[in-house]
Amino acid sequence: MKTIEEINQKIRDGDAVVVTASEMTRIVQENGAEEAAKEVDVVTTGTFGAMCSSGAFFNFGHSDPPIKMSHTYLNGVEAYSGLAAVDAYLGATQPHRNPDIGLDYGGAHLLEDLVRGKEIELVAEAYGTDCYPRTEVHTFISLESLNQAIMVNPRNCYQNYAAATNSTEETIYTYLGTLLPQMGNVGYSSAGELSPLLNDPYFQTIGVGTRIFLCGSQGYILGEGTQHATDGERENGVPVGSAGTLMLQGDLKKMDAKFLRGATMPKYGPTLYVGAGIPIPILNEEIAQRTGISDQDIHCNIYDYGVPRRSRPAVMETNYQELRSGKIEINGREVQTSPLSSLKKALEVAQELKSWIEKGNFFLTNPVQNIPNKGCTVKPLQIRRPSILVKDLKIKPVITARAEDDISGVARKMVDDNINHVPVVDHAGRLMGIVTSWDIAHAVAQDSKKLTEVMTKKVIVAMEDEPVELIARRIDKHEISGVPIVNRENRVRGMITAEDISRLICSQNNKEGDSQ
């Protein structure tokens, strides 16, 4: 048994044995946890990944005459101003207010620009009061000119997380990267055996007040992060899915852009890449054993992000050794894997923290209070007005065609039934394609005779159990006027159009108006 005080004395004397988590994995494998606990004093961890729930508090100082800011923009990115007169909080994922710039520059990019020493445009508006008469400000600030710039990240360092793939016929854009159709790739984000909370899975040494490495400077753990969960499935002592999180704090003025980067996930939005490392004091054999975990021991599930619901279907379970190999087998087919986090930078974080401790520039701290390690679950948001599912809509009987039908016959169906879309099905009613009134007009102009020559074979569809609002977004995204409704066997059950959705919205609004 050791104490943190004893380890700190060894750091002062220059006698502490410090290794990275990856080094500790090899030491435990070769010598066992008992010997490792005797030999090693501190294990340094590291991670460098996209951490959306990040940001910073600023104090700009008072102008003359003074202003009580109500709307604040930094390089065109809005910061929350519902605080004291010249305080604001900038969130990493806030996009630029100019739609032409939008997702390409946001709060995360602004934070990096500040750390790099760039000047930032400040525009603020106010309603004016007797003691704060000024109603607008337009000036420039820098990190040096700010009174305080305090990074406070509500949720960082996820203990583990899911990997993602996409079973649909189209590319989708997510916080786990761009996912190709038909499970064409797998995206994941974790430092694996280097990851801080996987090396102390029960929070035996990590707690409120723990001193950490944060973006190239010394920071602290404020407590559990938002969505902190403790009671999920575990294998080898560590969670299989998303679990524990941390709320972190540090001084932006002391940070290094080497460990803090603004980024944009394509068609998703801005995010901040954060470098964080936590020292794990090896107080006993059990902690030594935990820090000896390897990528092979850390399991996670691959989920189908093509299903746009809170609960997505699991495709398979894997481990980080397999994911890091660059390829994985799904349903007998080799699929490419790609990390959204940087293992190289995570190792740099762990090595930098190791160097600080060895040089006597960083000492360990006893937590003021432990992070909860049981009894924490994440509650879903309950929507009082439940989503209407496609299968709940009153849909007219669908008019379909067969691939061998002639174009003139299909055109006659459209005119007789006053419809613009006709799904094309096989003998079992399974969807093969779709034709629209525009397709028919084009076919007539080209003197086409066969339906197969003009039908669209790659069809955007609606599933019976999907919420209508998802279908509305799909129709808008693809700039189409309607989609066939299919069941799990791909059999056509109806059509839903933008007009159907508009009528539904009007009906709902009228009902809500009548109830008020």
Protein backbone atom coordinates (compact mmCIF):
# COMPACT_ATOMS: atom_id res chain seq x y z
CA MET A 1 0.00 0.00 0.00
CA LYS A 2 1.15 3.53 -0.82
CA THR A 3 -0.36 6.95 -0.23
CA ILE A 4 -0.51 9.97 -2.51
CA GLU A 5 1.57 11.88 0.02
CA GLU A 6 4.32 9.25 -0.18
CA ILE A 7 4.27 9.34 -3.97
CA ASN A 8 4.45 13.15 -3.98
CA GLN A 9 7.52 12.97 -1.74
CA LYS A 10 9.14 10.61 -4.23
CA ILE A 11 8.31 13.12 -6.99
CA ARG A 12 10.04 15.88 -4.97
CA ASP A 13 13.06 13.64 -4.44
CA GLY A 14 13.18 12.68 -8.11
CA ASP A 15 12.66 9.00 -7.25
CA ALA A 16 9.11 8.40 -8.56
CA VAL A 17 8.68 5.71 -11.20
CA VAL A 18 6.27 7.05 -13.81
CA VAL A 19 5.06 5.11 -16.87
CA THR A 20 2.39 5.65 -19.48
CA ALA A 21 -0.71 3.44 -19.53
CA SER A 22 0.57 1.59 -22.60
CA GLU A 23 3.87 0.90 -20.83
CA MET A 24 1.96 -0.29 -17.76
CA THR A 25 0.03 -2.77 -19.89
CA ARG A 26 3.28 -4.46 -20.89
CA ILE A 27 4.68 -4.35 -17.34
CA VAL A 28 1.60 -6.07 -15.89
CA GLN A 29 1.59 -8.66 -18.69
CA GLU A 30 5.26 -9.48 -18.13
CA ASN A 31 5.63 -9.16 -14.35
CA GLY A 32 2.11 -9.37 -12.92
CA ALA A 33 0.08 -6.81 -10.97
CA GLU A 34 1.75 -7.49 -7.61
CA GLU A 35 5.25 -6.67 -8.88
CA ALA A 36 3.94 -3.76 -10.95
CA ALA A 37 2.34 -2.23 -7.83
CA LYS A 38 5.70 -2.36 -6.06
CA GLU A 39 7.69 -1.01 -9.00
CA VAL A 40 5.44 1.75 -10.42
CA ASP A 41 4.24 4.87 -8.61
CA VAL A 42 2.22 6.72 -11.27
CA VAL A 43 0.57 5.74 -14.55
CA THR A 44 -0.17 8.58 -16.94
CA THR A 45 -3.14 8.37 -19.30
CA GLY A 46 -4.11 10.45 -22.30
CA THR A 47 -6.82 11.09 -24.82
CA PHE A 48 -7.24 13.48 -27.74
CA GLY A 49 -10.65 13.47 -29.33
CA ALA A 50 -13.70 15.48 -30.26
CA MET A 51 -15.43 16.66 -27.10
CA CYS A 52 -18.50 18.65 -28.11
CA SER A 53 -19.56 19.54 -24.57
CA SER A 54 -16.73 22.04 -24.09
CA GLY A 55 -16.41 25.80 -23.89
CA ALA A 56 -15.14 28.75 -21.89
CA PHE A 57 -16.30 31.58 -19.64
CA PHE A 58 -15.01 35.06 -20.50
CA ASN A 59 -14.93 38.36 -18.68
CA PHE A 60 -14.38 41.20 -21.17
CA GLY A 61 -14.02 44.10 -18.71
CA HIS A 62 -16.26 47.17 -18.60
CA SER A 63 -16.42 49.77 -21.36
CA ASP A 64 -16.97 53.48 -20.75
CA PRO A 65 -19.85 54.13 -20.66
CA PRO A 66 -20.58 50.58 -19.47
CA ILE A 67 -22.80 48.01 -21.16
CA LYS A 68 -24.86 45.06 -19.94
CA MET A 69 -24.42 42.66 -22.85
CA SER A 70 -27.53 40.75 -23.92
CA HIS A 71 -26.30 39.42 -27.29
CA THR A 72 -22.58 38.83 -27.75
CA TYR A 73 -20.79 37.72 -30.92
CA LEU A 74 -17.12 36.75 -31.20
CA ASN A 75 -15.95 36.56 -34.81
CA GLY A 76 -19.63 36.09 -35.64
CA VAL A 77 -20.17 33.22 -33.19
CA GLU A 78 -22.72 33.88 -30.47
CA ALA A 79 -21.72 33.47 -26.83
CA TYR A 80 -24.36 33.07 -24.12
CA SER A 81 -24.79 36.39 -22.27
CA GLY A 82 -27.42 35.56 -19.66
CA LEU A 83 -24.88 36.19 -16.90
CA ALA A 84 -23.43 39.34 -15.35
CA ALA A 85 -22.92 42.46 -17.46
CA VAL A 86 -19.70 41.53 -19.30
CA ASP A 87 -19.50 37.77 -18.65
CA ALA A 88 -20.29 35.24 -21.38
CA TYR A 89 -19.99 31.51 -22.05
CA LEU A 90 -18.91 30.32 -25.48
CA GLY A 91 -19.87 26.76 -26.43
CA ALA A 92 -17.61 24.80 -28.74
CA THR A 93 -20.42 23.64 -31.03
CA GLN A 94 -22.04 27.05 -31.59
CA PRO A 95 -21.97 27.73 -35.37
CA HIS A 96 -21.30 31.05 -37.08
CA ARG A 97 -24.37 33.27 -37.39
CA ASN A 98 -23.69 33.88 -41.09
CA PRO A 99 -25.37 30.94 -42.88
CA ASP A 100 -22.78 31.16 -45.67
CA ILE A 101 -20.11 30.29 -43.09
CA GLY A 102 -22.32 28.27 -40.77
CA LEU A 103 -20.73 25.01 -39.66
CA ASP A 104 -17.29 25.79 -41.11
CA TYR A 105 -16.40 28.14 -38.24
CA GLY A 106 -17.79 27.88 -34.74
CA GLY A 107 -17.01 28.21 -31.06
CA ALA A 108 -14.31 25.54 -31.19
CA HIS A 109 -12.40 27.34 -33.96
CA LEU A 110 -12.68 30.60 -32.02
CA LEU A 111 -11.20 28.99 -28.90
CA GLU A 112 -8.24 27.76 -30.92
CA ASP A 113 -7.79 31.21 -32.49
CA LEU A 114 -7.71 32.79 -29.03
CA VAL A 115 -5.12 30.31 -27.76
CA ARG A 116 -3.01 31.01 -30.86
CA GLY A 117 -2.97 34.71 -29.91
CA LYS A 118 -5.21 36.00 -32.69
CA GLU A 119 -7.33 39.14 -32.35
CA ILE A 120 -11.06 38.46 -32.18
CA GLU A 121 -13.88 40.78 -33.25
CA LEU A 122 -16.33 41.49 -30.40
CA VAL A 123 -19.83 42.75 -31.24
CA ALA A 124 -22.32 43.14 -28.41
CA GLU A 125 -25.85 44.46 -28.14
CA ALA A 126 -27.82 45.58 -25.08
CA TYR A 127 -31.18 47.08 -24.14
CA GLY A 128 -29.62 49.81 -21.97
CA THR A 129 -30.23 50.62 -18.31
CA ASP A 130 -29.55 53.62 -16.06
CA CYS A 131 -26.35 52.03 -14.76
CA TYR A 132 -25.42 50.39 -18.06
CA PRO A 133 -26.51 53.00 -20.65
CA ARG A 134 -24.48 51.77 -23.61
CA THR A 135 -26.47 49.72 -26.13
CA GLU A 136 -23.77 48.43 -28.47
CA VAL A 137 -20.06 47.62 -28.67
CA HIS A 138 -17.86 46.87 -31.66
CA THR A 139 -14.19 46.29 -30.87
CA PHE A 140 -11.44 43.69 -30.85
CA ILE A 141 -10.15 41.54 -28.01
CA SER A 142 -7.43 38.96 -27.48
CA LEU A 143 -6.77 36.29 -24.90
CA GLU A 144 -4.32 38.65 -23.20
CA SER A 145 -6.88 41.47 -22.96
CA LEU A 146 -9.50 39.32 -21.24
CA ASN A 147 -9.70 39.44 -17.45
CA GLN A 148 -10.54 35.75 -17.28
CA ALA A 149 -10.82 33.01 -19.90
CA ILE A 150 -11.72 29.85 -18.00
CA MET A 151 -12.36 26.63 -19.86
CA VAL A 152 -15.25 24.71 -18.28
CA ASN A 153 -16.23 21.54 -20.12
CA PRO A 154 -19.48 19.99 -18.88
CA ARG A 155 -18.81 16.55 -20.40
CA ASN A 156 -15.38 15.25 -21.40
CA CYS A 157 -13.40 11.99 -21.35
CA TYR A 158 -16.20 9.50 -21.97
CA GLN A 159 -15.23 6.24 -20.27
CA ASN A 160 -16.12 4.24 -23.36
CA TYR A 161 -18.35 4.80 -26.35
CA ALA A 162 -20.03 3.06 -29.25
CA ALA A 163 -18.62 2.49 -32.70
CA ALA A 164 -20.86 3.38 -35.65
CA THR A 165 -21.78 1.99 -39.03
CA ASN A 166 -24.60 2.66 -41.50
CA SER A 167 -26.88 0.03 -43.05
CA THR A 168 -28.83 2.41 -45.29
CA GLU A 169 -28.41 3.03 -49.00
CA GLU A 170 -27.11 6.57 -48.56
CA THR A 171 -24.12 8.25 -46.91
CA ILE A 172 -24.93 9.81 -43.55
CA TYR A 173 -23.02 12.45 -41.57
CA THR A 174 -22.65 12.03 -37.81
CA TYR A 175 -20.51 13.01 -34.82
CA LEU A 176 -18.70 9.72 -35.42
CA GLY A 177 -17.78 10.84 -38.90
CA THR A 178 -19.05 10.22 -42.40
CA LEU A 179 -20.62 6.75 -42.59
CA LEU A 180 -20.76 5.09 -45.99
CA PRO A 181 -23.81 3.16 -47.26
CA GLN A 182 -24.37 -0.57 -46.72
CA MET A 183 -22.00 -0.74 -43.76
CA GLY A 184 -19.13 0.51 -45.91
CA ASN A 185 -17.08 1.64 -42.91
CA VAL A 186 -17.00 1.84 -39.10
CA GLY A 187 -16.19 5.01 -37.14
CA TYR A 188 -15.05 5.01 -33.52
CA SER A 189 -13.47 7.37 -31.01
CA SER A 190 -11.40 6.20 -28.05
CA ALA A 191 -7.81 6.11 -26.86
CA GLY A 192 -8.40 2.53 -25.69
CA GLU A 193 -5.81 1.37 -23.16
CA LEU A 194 -4.51 4.95 -22.85
CA SER A 195 -7.95 6.39 -22.05
CA PRO A 196 -8.15 7.95 -18.55
CA LEU A 197 -11.38 6.49 -17.21
CA LEU A 198 -10.71 3.01 -18.60
CA ASN A 199 -7.62 2.89 -16.36
CA ASP A 200 -9.61 3.73 -13.24
CA PRO A 201 -13.02 2.26 -14.14
CA TYR A 202 -14.44 2.50 -10.60
CA PHE A 203 -13.06 6.00 -9.85
CA GLN A 204 -10.84 4.81 -7.00
CA THR A 205 -8.32 7.65 -7.48
CA ILE A 206 -10.20 10.16 -9.66
CA GLY A 207 -12.53 12.70 -8.07
CA VAL A 208 -13.43 16.32 -7.42
CA GLY A 209 -10.24 18.40 -7.29
CA THR A 210 -8.00 15.89 -9.04
CA ARG A 211 -5.23 17.78 -10.85
CA ILE A 212 -4.99 16.82 -14.54
CA PHE A 213 -3.37 17.67 -17.85
CA LEU A 214 -5.79 19.79 -19.88
CA CYS A 215 -4.88 21.16 -23.32
CA GLY A 216 -1.20 21.61 -22.44
CA SER A 217 -1.74 23.14 -18.99
CA GLN A 218 -2.70 21.99 -15.52
CA GLY A 219 -6.43 21.75 -14.95
CA TYR A 220 -8.82 20.16 -12.47
CA ILE A 221 -11.80 17.85 -12.31
CA LEU A 222 -14.88 19.72 -11.11
CA GLY A 223 -16.93 16.56 -10.70
CA GLU A 224 -18.93 14.08 -12.71
CA GLY A 225 -19.83 15.21 -16.20
CA THR A 226 -23.27 15.43 -17.69
CA GLN A 227 -24.78 12.08 -18.73
CA HIS A 228 -22.49 10.31 -16.24
CA ALA A 229 -23.64 6.69 -16.02
CA THR A 230 -22.30 3.87 -13.88
CA ASP A 231 -24.54 0.83 -14.02
CA GLY A 232 -24.17 -0.45 -17.58
CA GLU A 233 -22.79 -3.75 -18.78
CA ARG A 234 -19.10 -4.41 -18.05
CA GLU A 235 -16.52 -6.84 -19.39
CA ASN A 236 -13.09 -7.22 -17.79
CA GLY A 237 -14.17 -4.57 -15.28
CA VAL A 238 -14.74 -1.81 -17.83
CA PRO A 239 -18.01 -0.60 -19.40
CA VAL A 240 -18.91 -1.91 -22.84
CA GLY A 241 -20.78 1.29 -23.78
CA SER A 242 -20.86 4.96 -22.87
CA ALA A 243 -20.60 5.33 -19.10
CA GLY A 244 -18.66 7.71 -16.83
CA THR A 245 -17.85 11.30 -17.81
CA LEU A 246 -15.99 14.23 -16.25
CA MET A 247 -16.55 17.98 -15.92
CA LEU A 248 -13.19 19.72 -16.40
CA GLN A 249 -11.81 23.20 -15.74
CA GLY A 250 -8.63 24.98 -16.78
CA ASP A 251 -7.08 28.35 -17.60
CA LEU A 252 -7.36 29.02 -21.33
CA LYS A 253 -4.53 31.58 -21.05
CA LYS A 254 -2.07 28.82 -20.16
CA MET A 255 -3.14 26.32 -22.83
CA ASP A 256 -1.27 25.18 -25.92
CA ALA A 257 -2.95 24.94 -29.34
CA LYS A 258 -0.96 21.74 -29.87
CA PHE A 259 -3.49 20.07 -27.57
CA LEU A 260 -6.62 22.07 -28.47
CA ARG A 261 -8.02 22.13 -32.01
CA GLY A 262 -11.23 23.40 -33.56
CA ALA A 263 -12.77 21.11 -36.16
CA THR A 264 -15.93 20.61 -38.18
CA MET A 265 -17.59 17.26 -38.64
CA PRO A 266 -18.93 17.45 -42.23
CA LYS A 267 -22.64 18.34 -42.33
CA TYR A 268 -22.81 17.87 -38.54
CA GLY A 269 -21.13 20.88 -36.99
CA PRO A 270 -18.19 22.35 -35.09
CA THR A 271 -16.47 20.44 -32.28
CA LEU A 272 -13.41 20.88 -30.11
CA TYR A 273 -10.58 18.36 -29.99
CA VAL A 274 -9.37 18.31 -26.40
CA GLY A 275 -6.16 16.77 -25.08
CA ALA A 276 -6.71 15.49 -21.54
CA GLY A 277 -4.56 13.28 -19.32
CA ILE A 278 -5.06 12.02 -15.77
CA PRO A 279 -2.34 10.59 -13.51
CA ILE A 280 -3.32 7.35 -11.76
CA PRO A 281 -1.43 6.82 -8.47
CA ILE A 282 -0.63 3.13 -8.02
CA LEU A 283 -1.73 2.80 -4.40
CA ASN A 284 -2.25 -0.97 -4.41
CA GLU A 285 -2.24 -4.14 -6.49
CA GLU A 286 -5.87 -3.76 -7.58
CA ILE A 287 -5.21 -0.34 -9.14
CA ALA A 288 -2.09 -1.75 -10.81
CA GLN A 289 -4.18 -4.54 -12.30
CA ARG A 290 -6.76 -2.05 -13.62
CA THR A 291 -4.10 0.11 -15.30
CA GLY A 292 -2.69 -2.98 -17.00
CA ILE A 293 -5.74 -3.29 -19.24
CA SER A 294 -5.09 -3.72 -22.97
CA ASP A 295 -6.98 -2.75 -26.13
CA GLN A 296 -7.96 -6.39 -26.53
CA ASP A 297 -9.65 -6.35 -23.10
CA ILE A 298 -11.76 -3.25 -23.86
CA HIS A 299 -14.99 -4.14 -25.66
CA CYS A 300 -17.56 -1.93 -27.36
CA ASN A 301 -20.62 -2.36 -29.55
CA ILE A 302 -20.96 -1.30 -33.16
CA TYR A 303 -24.37 0.33 -33.65
CA ASP A 304 -26.32 1.05 -36.80
CA TYR A 305 -26.49 4.84 -37.01
CA GLY A 306 -28.60 4.50 -40.13
CA VAL A 307 -31.51 4.07 -37.71
CA PRO A 308 -32.19 7.68 -36.58
CA ARG A 309 -33.63 6.78 -33.18
CA ARG A 310 -32.46 7.09 -29.56
CA SER A 311 -32.08 3.30 -29.30
CA ARG A 312 -30.16 1.98 -32.29
CA PRO A 313 -29.72 -1.71 -33.09
CA ALA A 314 -26.38 -3.28 -32.20
CA VAL A 315 -24.64 -4.87 -35.17
CA MET A 316 -21.93 -6.72 -33.24
CA GLU A 317 -19.51 -6.51 -30.31
CA THR A 318 -15.81 -5.91 -30.91
CA ASN A 319 -12.70 -4.65 -29.11
CA TYR A 320 -10.23 -1.84 -29.69
CA GLN A 321 -7.46 -4.14 -30.88
CA GLU A 322 -9.71 -5.21 -33.74
CA LEU A 323 -10.85 -1.65 -34.46
CA ARG A 324 -7.26 -0.36 -34.51
CA SER A 325 -6.27 -3.02 -37.05
CA GLY A 326 -8.03 -0.92 -39.69
CA LYS A 327 -10.53 -3.56 -40.73
CA ILE A 328 -13.21 -5.72 -39.19
CA GLU A 329 -15.52 -8.45 -40.45
CA ILE A 330 -19.26 -7.71 -40.47
CA ASN A 331 -21.62 -10.39 -41.78
CA GLY A 332 -18.74 -12.16 -43.51
CA ARG A 333 -17.51 -9.00 -45.28
CA GLU A 334 -14.35 -7.03 -44.53
CA VAL A 335 -15.14 -3.44 -43.52
CA GLN A 336 -12.71 -0.55 -43.04
CA THR A 337 -12.46 1.03 -39.57
CA SER A 338 -11.29 4.58 -38.91
CA PRO A 339 -10.70 6.50 -35.65
CA LEU A 340 -12.09 9.97 -35.04
CA SER A 341 -9.64 10.46 -32.18
CA SER A 342 -5.85 10.54 -32.46
CA LEU A 343 -3.88 7.76 -30.75
CA LYS A 344 -0.65 9.57 -31.60
CA LYS A 345 -1.78 12.75 -29.82
CA ALA A 346 -3.19 10.75 -26.90
CA LEU A 347 0.25 9.18 -26.43
CA GLU A 348 1.83 12.66 -26.61
CA VAL A 349 -0.49 13.78 -23.80
CA ALA A 350 0.47 10.80 -21.62
CA GLN A 351 4.18 11.31 -22.33
CA GLU A 352 4.01 15.05 -21.65
CA LEU A 353 2.27 14.45 -18.33
CA LYS A 354 4.87 11.79 -17.49
CA SER A 355 7.64 14.32 -18.22
CA TRP A 356 6.03 16.97 -15.96
CA ILE A 357 5.86 14.53 -13.06
CA GLU A 358 9.41 13.25 -13.55
CA LYS A 359 10.71 16.84 -13.57
CA GLY A 360 8.82 17.68 -10.37
CA ASN A 361 6.49 20.15 -12.11
CA PHE A 362 3.28 18.25 -11.39
CA PHE A 363 2.08 16.74 -8.11
CA LEU A 364 -0.83 14.44 -7.41
CA THR A 365 -3.89 15.48 -5.42
CA ASN A 366 -6.26 13.63 -3.13
CA PRO A 367 -9.85 14.04 -4.36
CA VAL A 368 -12.03 16.29 -2.23
CA GLN A 369 -14.92 13.96 -3.08
CA ASN A 370 -15.16 10.77 -5.08
CA ILE A 371 -16.89 10.57 -8.45
CA PRO A 372 -20.00 8.36 -8.11
CA ASN A 373 -19.30 4.79 -9.27
CA LYS A 374 -22.81 3.36 -8.86
CA GLY A 375 -26.44 4.41 -8.94
CA CYS A 376 -26.17 6.84 -11.87
CA THR A 377 -28.37 6.32 -14.93
CA VAL A 378 -29.13 8.58 -17.87
CA LYS A 379 -32.82 9.45 -18.12
CA PRO A 380 -34.36 10.10 -21.55
CA LEU A 381 -36.29 13.24 -22.39
CA GLN A 382 -40.00 12.47 -22.26
CA ILE A 383 -41.93 14.19 -25.03
CA ARG A 384 -45.48 14.99 -23.88
CA ARG A 385 -46.76 15.01 -27.43
CA PRO A 386 -45.56 11.65 -28.75
CA SER A 387 -44.21 11.34 -32.25
CA ILE A 388 -46.67 10.21 -34.89
CA LEU A 389 -45.36 7.14 -36.69
CA VAL A 390 -45.78 6.58 -40.40
CA LYS A 391 -47.95 3.52 -39.75
CA ASP A 392 -50.37 5.71 -37.74
CA LEU A 393 -51.18 7.93 -40.73
CA LYS A 394 -54.31 7.47 -42.78
CA ILE A 395 -52.76 6.63 -46.13
CA LYS A 396 -54.76 5.95 -49.30
CA PRO A 397 -54.34 2.53 -50.93
CA VAL A 398 -51.17 2.68 -53.00
CA ILE A 399 -51.20 2.34 -56.77
CA THR A 400 -48.23 0.28 -57.96
CA ALA A 401 -46.81 -0.91 -61.26
CA ARG A 402 -44.73 -3.88 -62.39
CA ALA A 403 -41.40 -3.54 -64.16
CA GLU A 404 -42.80 -5.10 -67.33
CA ASP A 405 -45.71 -2.62 -67.54
CA ASP A 406 -45.71 -0.25 -70.50
CA ILE A 407 -45.28 3.45 -69.91
CA SER A 408 -48.61 4.46 -71.45
CA GLY A 409 -50.50 2.21 -69.02
CA VAL A 410 -48.68 3.72 -66.02
CA ALA A 411 -49.39 7.24 -67.33
CA ARG A 412 -53.08 6.34 -67.55
CA LYS A 413 -53.04 5.18 -63.89
CA MET A 414 -51.51 8.48 -62.80
CA VAL A 415 -54.16 10.52 -64.64
CA ASP A 416 -57.08 8.36 -63.49
CA ASP A 417 -56.02 8.37 -59.83
CA ASN A 418 -54.60 11.92 -59.78
CA ILE A 419 -51.21 10.82 -58.39
CA ASN A 420 -47.61 11.82 -59.10
CA HIS A 421 -45.72 8.77 -57.78
CA VAL A 422 -46.01 5.10 -58.65
CA PRO A 423 -43.82 2.55 -56.86
CA VAL A 424 -42.59 -0.29 -59.06
CA VAL A 425 -42.80 -3.70 -57.36
CA ASP A 426 -42.03 -7.34 -58.11
CA HIS A 427 -44.51 -10.24 -58.03
CA ALA A 428 -44.31 -10.35 -54.19
CA GLY A 429 -44.97 -6.63 -53.76
CA ARG A 430 -41.36 -5.82 -52.92
CA LEU A 431 -40.07 -2.41 -53.98
CA MET A 432 -37.90 -2.35 -57.13
CA GLY A 433 -38.06 1.33 -58.08
CA ILE A 434 -40.31 4.35 -58.49
CA VAL A 435 -41.57 6.54 -61.33
CA THR A 436 -42.94 10.07 -61.07
CA SER A 437 -45.05 12.14 -63.41
CA TRP A 438 -41.85 13.93 -64.46
CA ASP A 439 -40.27 10.57 -65.35
CA ILE A 440 -43.28 9.72 -67.52
CA ALA A 441 -43.13 13.11 -69.28
CA HIS A 442 -39.42 12.60 -69.91
CA ALA A 443 -40.08 9.07 -71.23
CA VAL A 444 -42.67 10.38 -73.69
CA ALA A 445 -40.23 13.04 -74.90
CA GLN A 446 -37.53 10.39 -75.39
CA ASP A 447 -40.01 7.91 -76.92
CA SER A 448 -39.14 5.33 -74.25
CA LYS A 449 -41.39 2.27 -74.07
CA LYS A 450 -40.19 0.27 -71.07
CA LEU A 451 -40.75 1.30 -67.47
CA THR A 452 -37.32 -0.04 -66.51
CA GLU A 453 -35.73 2.61 -68.76
CA VAL A 454 -37.10 5.52 -66.76
CA MET A 455 -37.74 4.30 -63.20
CA THR A 456 -35.45 5.34 -60.33
CA LYS A 457 -33.94 2.19 -58.86
CA LYS A 458 -32.23 3.77 -55.82
CA VAL A 459 -35.35 4.74 -53.90
CA ILE A 460 -35.58 6.84 -50.75
CA VAL A 461 -38.14 5.14 -48.52
CA ALA A 462 -40.04 5.51 -45.24
CA MET A 463 -40.30 2.62 -42.80
CA GLU A 464 -43.64 1.98 -41.12
CA ASP A 465 -42.22 2.46 -37.60
CA GLU A 466 -40.40 5.74 -38.29
CA PRO A 467 -41.61 9.10 -36.92
CA VAL A 468 -43.16 11.37 -39.51
CA GLU A 469 -40.77 14.22 -38.64
CA LEU A 470 -37.85 12.06 -39.79
CA ILE A 471 -39.56 11.51 -43.13
CA ALA A 472 -40.17 15.25 -43.49
CA ARG A 473 -36.44 15.87 -43.06
CA ARG A 474 -35.62 13.09 -45.54
CA ILE A 475 -37.95 14.55 -48.16
CA ASP A 476 -36.43 18.00 -47.66
CA LYS A 477 -32.85 16.70 -47.69
CA HIS A 478 -33.27 14.91 -51.00
CA GLU A 479 -35.50 17.59 -52.54
CA ILE A 480 -38.24 15.12 -53.46
CA SER A 481 -42.00 15.33 -53.04
CA GLY A 482 -42.78 11.90 -51.62
CA VAL A 483 -41.47 8.46 -50.65
CA PRO A 484 -42.88 4.92 -50.65
CA ILE A 485 -43.70 3.37 -47.27
CA VAL A 486 -42.22 -0.12 -46.87
CA ASN A 487 -42.15 -2.75 -44.14
CA ARG A 488 -39.13 -4.74 -42.95
CA GLU A 489 -39.55 -7.15 -45.91
CA ASN A 490 -39.36 -4.16 -48.30
CA ARG A 491 -42.98 -4.65 -49.34
CA VAL A 492 -44.75 -1.44 -50.33
CA ARG A 493 -47.50 -0.37 -47.92
CA GLY A 494 -48.28 3.12 -49.19
CA MET A 495 -46.94 6.52 -50.22
CA ILE A 496 -46.30 9.56 -48.04
CA THR A 497 -45.90 12.96 -49.66
CA ALA A 498 -44.86 16.41 -48.55
CA GLU A 499 -48.51 17.37 -48.99
CA ASP A 500 -49.59 14.63 -46.54
CA ILE A 501 -47.12 15.93 -43.97
CA SER A 502 -48.27 19.53 -44.44
CA ARG A 503 -51.88 18.49 -43.85
CA LEU A 504 -50.84 16.62 -40.69
CA ILE A 505 -49.01 19.66 -39.31
CA CYS A 506 -51.98 21.92 -40.01
CA SER A 507 -54.31 19.46 -38.30
CA GLN A 508 -52.08 19.28 -35.22
CA ASN A 509 -51.79 23.07 -35.01
CA ASN A 510 -55.58 23.45 -35.26
CA LYS A 511 -56.11 20.92 -32.46
CA GLU A 512 -53.59 22.70 -30.23
CA GLY A 513 -55.27 26.04 -30.96
CA ASP A 514 -58.69 24.63 -30.04
CA SER A 515 -57.36 23.27 -26.73
CA GLN A 516 -55.93 26.62 -25.57
